[in-house]
PDB file of N, CA and C in Angstrom:
ATOM      1  N   ASN A   1      69.500   2.788 -36.925  1.00  0.00           N
ATOM      2  CA  ASN A   1      68.763   3.043 -35.706  1.00  0.00           C
ATOM      3  C   ASN A   1      69.551   4.020 -34.844  1.00  0.00           C
ATOM      4  N   ILE A   2      68.955   5.129 -34.467  1.00  0.00           N
ATOM      5  CA  ILE A   2      69.638   6.158 -33.689  1.00  0.00           C
ATOM      6  C   ILE A   2      70.083   5.616 -32.336  1.00  0.00           C
ATOM      7  N   GLY A   3      69.263   4.802 -31.672  1.00  0.00           N
ATOM      8  CA  GLY A   3      69.608   4.270 -30.357  1.00  0.00           C
ATOM      9  C   GLY A   3      70.869   3.436 -30.357  1.00  0.00           C
ATOM     10  N   VAL A   4      71.022   2.568 -31.346  1.00  0.00           N
ATOM     11  CA  VAL A   4      72.216   1.738 -31.452  1.00  0.00           C
ATOM     12  C   VAL A   4      73.427   2.600 -31.737  1.00  0.00           C
ATOM     13  N   THR A   5      73.281   3.568 -32.644  1.00  0.00           N
ATOM     14  CA  THR A   5      74.371   4.480 -32.983  1.00  0.00           C
ATOM     15  C   THR A   5      74.794   5.276 -31.763  1.00  0.00           C
ATOM     16  N   VAL A   6      73.841   5.750 -30.977  1.00  0.00           N
ATOM     17  CA  VAL A   6      74.135   6.514 -29.771  1.00  0.00           C
ATOM     18  C   VAL A   6      74.960   5.687 -28.808  1.00  0.00           C
ATOM     19  N   THR A   7      74.540   4.470 -28.510  1.00  0.00           N
ATOM     20  CA  THR A   7      75.239   3.618 -27.554  1.00  0.00           C
ATOM     21  C   THR A   7      76.658   3.324 -28.011  1.00  0.00           C
ATOM     22  N   ALA A   8      76.826   2.926 -29.256  1.00  0.00           N
ATOM     23  CA  ALA A   8      78.149   2.585 -29.773  1.00  0.00           C
ATOM     24  C   ALA A   8      79.063   3.802 -29.783  1.00  0.00           C
ATOM     25  N   ALA A   9      78.552   4.932 -30.185  1.00  0.00           N
ATOM     26  CA  ALA A   9      79.369   6.136 -30.282  1.00  0.00           C
ATOM     27  C   ALA A   9      79.820   6.616 -28.907  1.00  0.00           C
ATOM     28  N   LEU A  10      78.937   6.571 -27.932  1.00  0.00           N
ATOM     29  CA  LEU A  10      79.282   7.072 -26.609  1.00  0.00           C
ATOM     30  C   LEU A  10      80.277   6.174 -25.882  1.00  0.00           C
ATOM     31  N   GLN A  11      80.333   4.918 -26.218  1.00  0.00           N
ATOM     32  CA  GLN A  11      81.292   4.021 -25.585  1.00  0.00           C
ATOM     33  C   GLN A  11      82.717   4.350 -25.999  1.00  0.00           C
ATOM     34  N   ASN A  12      82.897   4.924 -27.174  1.00  0.00           N
ATOM     35  CA  ASN A  12      84.230   5.160 -27.718  1.00  0.00           C
ATOM     36  C   ASN A  12      84.629   6.622 -27.800  1.00  0.00           C
ATOM     37  N   ASP A  13      83.820   7.528 -27.400  1.00  0.00           N
ATOM     38  CA  ASP A  13      84.127   8.938 -27.578  1.00  0.00           C
ATOM     39  C   ASP A  13      83.535   9.765 -26.456  1.00  0.00           C
ATOM     40  N   THR A  14      84.273  10.784 -26.025  1.00  0.00           N
ATOM     41  CA  THR A  14      83.799  11.633 -24.934  1.00  0.00           C
ATOM     42  C   THR A  14      83.106  12.891 -25.438  1.00  0.00           C
ATOM     43  N   ARG A  15      83.077  13.097 -26.744  1.00  0.00           N
ATOM     44  CA  ARG A  15      82.375  14.256 -27.281  1.00  0.00           C
ATOM     45  C   ARG A  15      80.871  14.063 -27.136  1.00  0.00           C
ATOM     46  N   ARG A  16      80.114  15.135 -27.348  1.00  0.00           N
ATOM     47  CA  ARG A  16      78.660  15.062 -27.206  1.00  0.00           C
ATOM     48  C   ARG A  16      78.023  14.523 -28.477  1.00  0.00           C
ATOM     49  N   LEU A  17      76.978  13.744 -28.312  1.00  0.00           N
ATOM     50  CA  LEU A  17      76.261  13.204 -29.463  1.00  0.00           C
ATOM     51  C   LEU A  17      75.021  14.055 -29.715  1.00  0.00           C
ATOM     52  N   TRP A  18      74.908  14.540 -30.912  1.00  0.00           N
ATOM     53  CA  TRP A  18      73.719  15.239 -31.382  1.00  0.00           C
ATOM     54  C   TRP A  18      73.341  14.601 -32.694  1.00  0.00           C
ATOM     55  N   VAL A  19      72.213  14.945 -33.210  1.00  0.00           N
ATOM     56  CA  VAL A  19      71.818  14.453 -34.516  1.00  0.00           C
ATOM     57  C   VAL A  19      71.671  15.636 -35.455  1.00  0.00           C
ATOM     58  N   LYS A  20      72.027  15.408 -36.696  1.00  0.00           N
ATOM     59  CA  LYS A  20      72.028  16.459 -37.704  1.00  0.00           C
ATOM     60  C   LYS A  20      70.969  16.144 -38.754  1.00  0.00           C
ATOM     61  N   LEU A  21      70.296  17.186 -39.214  1.00  0.00           N
ATOM     62  CA  LEU A  21      69.347  17.005 -40.312  1.00  0.00           C
ATOM     63  C   LEU A  21      70.086  16.467 -41.523  1.00  0.00           C
ATOM     64  N   ILE A  22      69.524  15.480 -42.159  1.00  0.00           N
ATOM     65  CA  ILE A  22      70.119  14.946 -43.380  1.00  0.00           C
ATOM     66  C   ILE A  22      69.929  15.952 -44.508  1.00  0.00           C
ATOM     67  N   SER A  23      68.741  16.563 -44.576  1.00  0.00           N
ATOM     68  CA  SER A  23      68.430  17.537 -45.619  1.00  0.00           C
ATOM     69  C   SER A  23      67.366  18.509 -45.117  1.00  0.00           C
ATOM     70  N   LYS A  24      67.691  19.800 -45.122  1.00  0.00           N
ATOM     71  CA  LYS A  24      66.697  20.802 -44.726  1.00  0.00           C
ATOM     72  C   LYS A  24      65.515  20.781 -45.688  1.00  0.00           C
ATOM     73  N   ARG A  25      65.797  20.620 -46.966  1.00  0.00           N
ATOM     74  CA  ARG A  25      64.719  20.582 -47.968  1.00  0.00           C
ATOM     75  C   ARG A  25      63.770  19.420 -47.688  1.00  0.00           C
ATOM     76  N   ALA A  26      64.319  18.236 -47.421  1.00  0.00           N
ATOM     77  CA  ALA A  26      63.474  17.071 -47.125  1.00  0.00           C
ATOM     78  C   ALA A  26      62.664  17.309 -45.858  1.00  0.00           C
ATOM     79  N   PHE A  27      63.280  17.931 -44.848  1.00  0.00           N
ATOM     80  CA  PHE A  27      62.576  18.237 -43.601  1.00  0.00           C
ATOM     81  C   PHE A  27      61.402  19.174 -43.878  1.00  0.00           C
ATOM     82  N   ARG A  28      61.662  20.251 -44.603  1.00  0.00           N
ATOM     83  CA  ARG A  28      60.583  21.204 -44.931  1.00  0.00           C
ATOM     84  C   ARG A  28      59.495  20.541 -45.775  1.00  0.00           C
ATOM     85  N   ASP A  29      59.901  19.733 -46.749  1.00  0.00           N
ATOM     86  CA  ASP A  29      58.923  19.042 -47.597  1.00  0.00           C
ATOM     87  C   ASP A  29      58.067  18.075 -46.789  1.00  0.00           C
ATOM     88  N   TYR A  30      58.676  17.373 -45.844  1.00  0.00           N
ATOM     89  CA  TYR A  30      57.939  16.417 -45.013  1.00  0.00           C
ATOM     90  C   TYR A  30      56.920  17.158 -44.148  1.00  0.00           C
ATOM     91  N   ILE A  31      57.327  18.291 -43.586  1.00  0.00           N
ATOM     92  CA  ILE A  31      56.412  19.097 -42.765  1.00  0.00           C
ATOM     93  C   ILE A  31      55.228  19.571 -43.608  1.00  0.00           C
ATOM     94  N   ALA A  32      55.515  20.050 -44.813  1.00  0.00           N
ATOM     95  CA  ALA A  32      54.442  20.519 -45.706  1.00  0.00           C
ATOM     96  C   ALA A  32      53.529  19.362 -46.112  1.00  0.00           C
ATOM     97  N   PHE A  33      54.113  18.213 -46.444  1.00  0.00           N
ATOM     98  CA  PHE A  33      53.337  17.036 -46.844  1.00  0.00           C
ATOM     99  C   PHE A  33      52.371  16.619 -45.740  1.00  0.00           C
ATOM    100  N   ARG A  34      52.817  16.701 -44.489  1.00  0.00           N
ATOM    101  CA  ARG A  34      51.971  16.337 -43.354  1.00  0.00           C
ATOM    102  C   ARG A  34      51.024  17.465 -42.948  1.00  0.00           C
ATOM    103  N   GLY A  35      51.136  18.634 -43.587  1.00  0.00           N
ATOM    104  CA  GLY A  35      50.232  19.747 -43.286  1.00  0.00           C
ATOM    105  C   GLY A  35      50.490  20.384 -41.934  1.00  0.00           C
ATOM    106  N   GLU A  36      51.733  20.329 -41.467  1.00  0.00           N
ATOM    107  CA  GLU A  36      52.080  20.868 -40.155  1.00  0.00           C
ATOM    108  C   GLU A  36      52.640  22.284 -40.263  1.00  0.00           C
ATOM    109  N   THR A  37      52.461  23.030 -39.192  1.00  0.00           N
ATOM    110  CA  THR A  37      53.118  24.323 -39.023  1.00  0.00           C
ATOM    111  C   THR A  37      54.201  24.132 -37.964  1.00  0.00           C
ATOM    112  N   ASN A  38      55.027  25.149 -37.775  1.00  0.00           N
ATOM    113  CA  ASN A  38      56.040  25.060 -36.712  1.00  0.00           C
ATOM    114  C   ASN A  38      55.372  24.775 -35.373  1.00  0.00           C
ATOM    115  N   ALA A  39      54.303  25.504 -35.096  1.00  0.00           N
ATOM    116  CA  ALA A  39      53.617  25.373 -33.807  1.00  0.00           C
ATOM    117  C   ALA A  39      52.946  24.005 -33.649  1.00  0.00           C
ATOM    118  N   SER A  40      52.259  23.534 -34.697  1.00  0.00           N
ATOM    119  CA  SER A  40      51.555  22.250 -34.569  1.00  0.00           C
ATOM    120  C   SER A  40      52.539  21.087 -34.435  1.00  0.00           C
ATOM    121  N   LEU A  41      53.643  21.128 -35.191  1.00  0.00           N
ATOM    122  CA  LEU A  41      54.649  20.074 -35.079  1.00  0.00           C
ATOM    123  C   LEU A  41      55.320  20.120 -33.711  1.00  0.00           C
ATOM    124  N   ALA A  42      55.617  21.312 -33.239  1.00  0.00           N
ATOM    125  CA  ALA A  42      56.239  21.457 -31.913  1.00  0.00           C
ATOM    126  C   ALA A  42      55.341  20.873 -30.824  1.00  0.00           C
ATOM    127  N   ARG A  43      54.034  21.141 -30.904  1.00  0.00           N
ATOM    128  CA  ARG A  43      53.089  20.577 -29.920  1.00  0.00           C
ATOM    129  C   ARG A  43      53.112  19.056 -29.957  1.00  0.00           C
ATOM    130  N   LYS A  44      53.030  18.498 -31.149  1.00  0.00           N
ATOM    131  CA  LYS A  44      53.000  17.038 -31.286  1.00  0.00           C
ATOM    132  C   LYS A  44      54.300  16.390 -30.810  1.00  0.00           C
ATOM    133  N   ALA A  45      55.430  17.036 -31.102  1.00  0.00           N
ATOM    134  CA  ALA A  45      56.734  16.470 -30.734  1.00  0.00           C
ATOM    135  C   ALA A  45      57.166  16.865 -29.323  1.00  0.00           C
ATOM    136  N   LYS A  46      56.416  17.795 -28.712  1.00  0.00           N
ATOM    137  CA  LYS A  46      56.741  18.296 -27.369  1.00  0.00           C
ATOM    138  C   LYS A  46      58.143  18.926 -27.338  1.00  0.00           C
ATOM    139  N   VAL A  47      58.394  19.753 -28.380  1.00  0.00           N
ATOM    140  CA  VAL A  47      59.615  20.554 -28.448  1.00  0.00           C
ATOM    141  C   VAL A  47      59.188  22.002 -28.657  1.00  0.00           C
ATOM    142  N   SER A  48      60.124  22.917 -28.603  1.00  0.00           N
ATOM    143  CA  SER A  48      59.752  24.318 -28.762  1.00  0.00           C
ATOM    144  C   SER A  48      59.521  24.660 -30.239  1.00  0.00           C
ATOM    145  N   PRO A  49      58.579  25.570 -30.510  1.00  0.00           N
ATOM    146  CA  PRO A  49      58.385  26.026 -31.884  1.00  0.00           C
ATOM    147  C   PRO A  49      59.656  26.665 -32.447  1.00  0.00           C
ATOM    148  N   ALA A  50      60.449  27.281 -31.561  1.00  0.00           N
ATOM    149  CA  ALA A  50      61.698  27.902 -32.010  1.00  0.00           C
ATOM    150  C   ALA A  50      62.651  26.853 -32.578  1.00  0.00           C
ATOM    151  N   LEU A  51      62.708  25.661 -31.967  1.00  0.00           N
ATOM    152  CA  LEU A  51      63.574  24.606 -32.483  1.00  0.00           C
ATOM    153  C   LEU A  51      63.147  24.211 -33.891  1.00  0.00           C
ATOM    154  N   ILE A  52      61.855  24.028 -34.089  1.00  0.00           N
ATOM    155  CA  ILE A  52      61.359  23.661 -35.430  1.00  0.00           C
ATOM    156  C   ILE A  52      61.696  24.763 -36.426  1.00  0.00           C
ATOM    157  N   ALA A  53      61.461  26.015 -36.044  1.00  0.00           N
ATOM    158  CA  ALA A  53      61.739  27.145 -36.940  1.00  0.00           C
ATOM    159  C   ALA A  53      63.222  27.219 -37.295  1.00  0.00           C
ATOM    160  N   LEU A  54      64.091  27.007 -36.307  1.00  0.00           N
ATOM    161  CA  LEU A  54      65.531  27.070 -36.565  1.00  0.00           C
ATOM    162  C   LEU A  54      66.004  25.909 -37.437  1.00  0.00           C
ATOM    163  N   LEU A  55      65.418  24.741 -37.248  1.00  0.00           N
ATOM    164  CA  LEU A  55      65.780  23.598 -38.086  1.00  0.00           C
ATOM    165  C   LEU A  55      65.300  23.786 -39.524  1.00  0.00           C
ATOM    166  N   ARG A  56      64.173  24.437 -39.705  1.00  0.00           N
ATOM    167  CA  ARG A  56      63.623  24.677 -41.051  1.00  0.00           C
ATOM    168  C   ARG A  56      64.331  25.810 -41.780  1.00  0.00           C
ATOM    169  N   SER A  57      64.880  26.750 -41.025  1.00  0.00           N
ATOM    170  CA  SER A  57      65.417  27.991 -41.580  1.00  0.00           C
ATOM    171  C   SER A  57      66.670  27.781 -42.433  1.00  0.00           C
ATOM    172  N   GLU A  58      66.821  28.642 -43.418  1.00  0.00           N
ATOM    173  CA  GLU A  58      68.030  28.663 -44.252  1.00  0.00           C
ATOM    174  C   GLU A  58      68.864  29.897 -43.930  1.00  0.00           C
ATOM    175  N   LYS A  59      68.435  30.699 -42.966  1.00  0.00           N
ATOM    176  CA  LYS A  59      69.145  31.926 -42.615  1.00  0.00           C
ATOM    177  C   LYS A  59      70.409  31.617 -41.829  1.00  0.00           C
ATOM    178  N   LYS A  60      71.212  32.625 -41.610  1.00  0.00           N
ATOM    179  CA  LYS A  60      72.503  32.455 -40.940  1.00  0.00           C
ATOM    180  C   LYS A  60      72.365  31.841 -39.539  1.00  0.00           C
ATOM    181  N   ALA A  61      71.326  32.177 -38.822  1.00  0.00           N
ATOM    182  CA  ALA A  61      71.136  31.680 -37.454  1.00  0.00           C
ATOM    183  C   ALA A  61      70.502  30.290 -37.411  1.00  0.00           C
ATOM    184  N   ALA A  62      70.315  29.671 -38.561  1.00  0.00           N
ATOM    185  CA  ALA A  62      69.667  28.361 -38.623  1.00  0.00           C
ATOM    186  C   ALA A  62      70.456  27.306 -37.867  1.00  0.00           C
ATOM    187  N   ARG A  63      69.743  26.295 -37.415  1.00  0.00           N
ATOM    188  CA  ARG A  63      70.380  25.142 -36.755  1.00  0.00           C
ATOM    189  C   ARG A  63      70.288  23.943 -37.680  1.00  0.00           C
ATOM    190  N   PHE A  64      71.267  23.067 -37.538  1.00  0.00           N
ATOM    191  CA  PHE A  64      71.285  21.837 -38.310  1.00  0.00           C
ATOM    192  C   PHE A  64      71.218  20.614 -37.405  1.00  0.00           C
ATOM    193  N   SER A  65      71.338  20.825 -36.080  1.00  0.00           N
ATOM    194  CA  SER A  65      71.388  19.685 -35.177  1.00  0.00           C
ATOM    195  C   SER A  65      70.544  19.921 -33.931  1.00  0.00           C
ATOM    196  N   CYS A  66      70.240  18.819 -33.256  1.00  0.00           N
ATOM    197  CA  CYS A  66      69.484  18.872 -32.005  1.00  0.00           C
ATOM    198  C   CYS A  66      69.779  17.614 -31.201  1.00  0.00           C
ATOM    199  N   LYS A  67      69.215  17.519 -30.025  1.00  0.00           N
ATOM    200  CA  LYS A  67      69.404  16.330 -29.190  1.00  0.00           C
ATOM    201  C   LYS A  67      68.721  15.121 -29.841  1.00  0.00           C
ATOM    202  N   PRO A  68      69.292  13.932 -29.642  1.00  0.00           N
ATOM    203  CA  PRO A  68      68.667  12.724 -30.206  1.00  0.00           C
ATOM    204  C   PRO A  68      67.210  12.547 -29.787  1.00  0.00           C
ATOM    205  N   SER A  69      66.892  12.886 -28.537  1.00  0.00           N
ATOM    206  CA  SER A  69      65.500  12.720 -28.078  1.00  0.00           C
ATOM    207  C   SER A  69      64.552  13.649 -28.833  1.00  0.00           C
ATOM    208  N   ASN A  70      65.011  14.861 -29.150  1.00  0.00           N
ATOM    209  CA  ASN A  70      64.170  15.783 -29.926  1.00  0.00           C
ATOM    210  C   ASN A  70      63.995  15.290 -31.353  1.00  0.00           C
ATOM    211  N   ALA A  71      65.070  14.792 -31.950  1.00  0.00           N
ATOM    212  CA  ALA A  71      64.994  14.274 -33.320  1.00  0.00           C
ATOM    213  C   ALA A  71      64.008  13.111 -33.390  1.00  0.00           C
ATOM    214  N   ARG A  72      64.104  12.213 -32.432  1.00  0.00           N
ATOM    215  CA  ARG A  72      63.201  11.052 -32.387  1.00  0.00           C
ATOM    216  C   ARG A  72      61.751  11.510 -32.256  1.00  0.00           C
ATOM    217  N   ALA A  73      61.518  12.494 -31.383  1.00  0.00           N
ATOM    218  CA  ALA A  73      60.157  13.005 -31.174  1.00  0.00           C
ATOM    219  C   ALA A  73      59.622  13.678 -32.437  1.00  0.00           C
ATOM    220  N   ILE A  74      60.477  14.410 -33.139  1.00  0.00           N
ATOM    221  CA  ILE A  74      60.055  15.080 -34.379  1.00  0.00           C
ATOM    222  C   ILE A  74      59.731  14.047 -35.451  1.00  0.00           C
ATOM    223  N   GLU A  75      60.603  13.045 -35.625  1.00  0.00           N
ATOM    224  CA  GLU A  75      60.313  11.992 -36.612  1.00  0.00           C
ATOM    225  C   GLU A  75      59.027  11.256 -36.257  1.00  0.00           C
ATOM    226  N   ASP A  76      58.817  10.963 -34.978  1.00  0.00           N
ATOM    227  CA  ASP A  76      57.581  10.297 -34.554  1.00  0.00           C
ATOM    228  C   ASP A  76      56.364  11.150 -34.859  1.00  0.00           C
ATOM    229  N   ALA A  77      56.440  12.441 -34.548  1.00  0.00           N
ATOM    230  CA  ALA A  77      55.304  13.338 -34.773  1.00  0.00           C
ATOM    231  C   ALA A  77      54.964  13.469 -36.258  1.00  0.00           C
ATOM    232  N   LEU A  78      55.970  13.317 -37.116  1.00  0.00           N
ATOM    233  CA  LEU A  78      55.749  13.397 -38.561  1.00  0.00           C
ATOM    234  C   LEU A  78      55.452  12.029 -39.187  1.00  0.00           C
ATOM    235  N   ASN A  79      55.420  10.979 -38.349  1.00  0.00           N
ATOM    236  CA  ASN A  79      55.259   9.610 -38.849  1.00  0.00           C
ATOM    237  C   ASN A  79      56.325   9.273 -39.889  1.00  0.00           C
ATOM    238  N   ALA A  80      57.531   9.788 -39.671  1.00  0.00           N
ATOM    239  CA  ALA A  80      58.659   9.513 -40.561  1.00  0.00           C
ATOM    240  C   ALA A  80      59.415   8.294 -40.039  1.00  0.00           C
ATOM    241  N   PRO A  81      59.939   7.476 -40.925  1.00  0.00           N
ATOM    242  CA  PRO A  81      60.724   6.323 -40.465  1.00  0.00           C
ATOM    243  C   PRO A  81      61.919   6.789 -39.631  1.00  0.00           C
ATOM    244  N   PRO A  82      62.259   6.080 -38.558  1.00  0.00           N
ATOM    245  CA  PRO A  82      63.406   6.456 -37.734  1.00  0.00           C
ATOM    246  C   PRO A  82      64.681   6.566 -38.569  1.00  0.00           C
ATOM    247  N   GLY A  83      65.393   7.666 -38.375  1.00  0.00           N
ATOM    248  CA  GLY A  83      66.640   7.877 -39.098  1.00  0.00           C
ATOM    249  C   GLY A  83      66.474   8.418 -40.502  1.00  0.00           C
ATOM    250  N   SER A  84      65.231   8.726 -40.908  1.00  0.00           N
ATOM    251  CA  SER A  84      65.012   9.223 -42.272  1.00  0.00           C
ATOM    252  C   SER A  84      65.261  10.725 -42.406  1.00  0.00           C
ATOM    253  N   LEU A  85      65.186  11.452 -41.302  1.00  0.00           N
ATOM    254  CA  LEU A  85      65.390  12.907 -41.357  1.00  0.00           C
ATOM    255  C   LEU A  85      66.660  13.365 -40.657  1.00  0.00           C
ATOM    256  N   PHE A  86      67.152  12.584 -39.699  1.00  0.00           N
ATOM    257  CA  PHE A  86      68.324  12.965 -38.904  1.00  0.00           C
ATOM    258  C   PHE A  86      69.354  11.845 -38.907  1.00  0.00           C
ATOM    259  N   SER A  87      70.637  12.232 -38.813  1.00  0.00           N
ATOM    260  CA  SER A  87      71.706  11.239 -38.664  1.00  0.00           C
ATOM    261  C   SER A  87      72.571  11.635 -37.474  1.00  0.00           C
ATOM    262  N   ALA A  88      73.168  10.642 -36.816  1.00  0.00           N
ATOM    263  CA  ALA A  88      73.978  10.879 -35.620  1.00  0.00           C
ATOM    264  C   ALA A  88      75.275  11.588 -35.980  1.00  0.00           C
ATOM    265  N   GLN A  89      75.671  12.542 -35.122  1.00  0.00           N
ATOM    266  CA  GLN A  89      76.918  13.291 -35.288  1.00  0.00           C
ATOM    267  C   GLN A  89      77.549  13.493 -33.926  1.00  0.00           C
ATOM    268  N   LEU A  90      78.846  13.312 -33.830  1.00  0.00           N
ATOM    269  CA  LEU A  90      79.561  13.638 -32.606  1.00  0.00           C
ATOM    270  C   LEU A  90      80.121  15.039 -32.758  1.00  0.00           C
ATOM    271  N   VAL A  91      79.900  15.874 -31.757  1.00  0.00           N
ATOM    272  CA  VAL A  91      80.420  17.241 -31.814  1.00  0.00           C
ATOM    273  C   VAL A  91      81.321  17.485 -30.617  1.00  0.00           C
ATOM    274  N   GLY A  92      82.374  18.244 -30.854  1.00  0.00           N
ATOM    275  CA  GLY A  92      83.322  18.537 -29.789  1.00  0.00           C
ATOM    276  C   GLY A  92      82.946  19.747 -28.983  1.00  0.00           C
ATOM    277  N   GLY A  93      82.135  20.624 -29.533  1.00  0.00           N
ATOM    278  CA  GLY A  93      81.753  21.850 -28.846  1.00  0.00           C
ATOM    279  C   GLY A  93      80.258  22.020 -28.826  1.00  0.00           C
ATOM    280  N   SER A  94      79.826  23.212 -29.105  1.00  0.00           N
ATOM    281  CA  SER A  94      78.415  23.540 -29.127  1.00  0.00           C
ATOM    282  C   SER A  94      77.710  22.803 -30.239  1.00  0.00           C
ATOM    283  N   PRO A  95      76.475  22.349 -30.029  1.00  0.00           N
ATOM    284  CA  PRO A  95      75.737  21.660 -31.084  1.00  0.00           C
ATOM    285  C   PRO A  95      75.430  22.558 -32.265  1.00  0.00           C
ATOM    286  N   THR A  96      75.512  23.871 -32.105  1.00  0.00           N
ATOM    287  CA  THR A  96      75.261  24.779 -33.220  1.00  0.00           C
ATOM    288  C   THR A  96      76.551  25.145 -33.916  1.00  0.00           C
ATOM    289  N   ASP A  97      77.667  24.615 -33.449  1.00  0.00           N
ATOM    290  CA  ASP A  97      78.963  24.843 -34.065  1.00  0.00           C
ATOM    291  C   ASP A  97      78.915  24.331 -35.495  1.00  0.00           C
ATOM    292  N   THR A  98      79.389  25.120 -36.435  1.00  0.00           N
ATOM    293  CA  THR A  98      79.355  24.713 -37.840  1.00  0.00           C
ATOM    294  C   THR A  98      80.445  23.712 -38.161  1.00  0.00           C
ATOM    295  N   ARG A  99      81.346  23.447 -37.237  1.00  0.00           N
ATOM    296  CA  ARG A  99      82.436  22.509 -37.474  1.00  0.00           C
ATOM    297  C   ARG A  99      82.065  21.120 -36.967  1.00  0.00           C
ATOM    298  N   LEU A 100      80.935  20.611 -37.388  1.00  0.00           N
ATOM    299  CA  LEU A 100      80.504  19.268 -36.981  1.00  0.00           C
ATOM    300  C   LEU A 100      81.454  18.235 -37.555  1.00  0.00           C
ATOM    301  N   SER A 101      81.804  17.263 -36.739  1.00  0.00           N
ATOM    302  CA  SER A 101      82.673  16.195 -37.223  1.00  0.00           C
ATOM    303  C   SER A 101      81.828  15.013 -37.679  1.00  0.00           C
ATOM    304  N   ALA A 102      82.367  14.243 -38.576  1.00  0.00           N
ATOM    305  CA  ALA A 102      81.629  13.091 -39.098  1.00  0.00           C
ATOM    306  C   ALA A 102      81.730  11.906 -38.180  1.00  0.00           C
TER     307      ALA A 102
END
């Protein structure tokens, strides 16, 4: 459960909590299975289409992480089980930093 992980992690660490995609392929496959586009998923999850596009992308500018609230909204919009697409990560710097810590 992301909520429990968030609470426990923040009590013991001052770094920022973000969530990381478990698998870009699984994320893209889930979006295709649900028949969503970047724009339609963004509307349903109330996030920007750019966030969905960056999370789906395999290009150099791609993102692998986002805020827990966005991850929860995306999983809800896709009717995916909580925690099935994203896992909690503590980061010391920018959420787009490639040096994510476990």
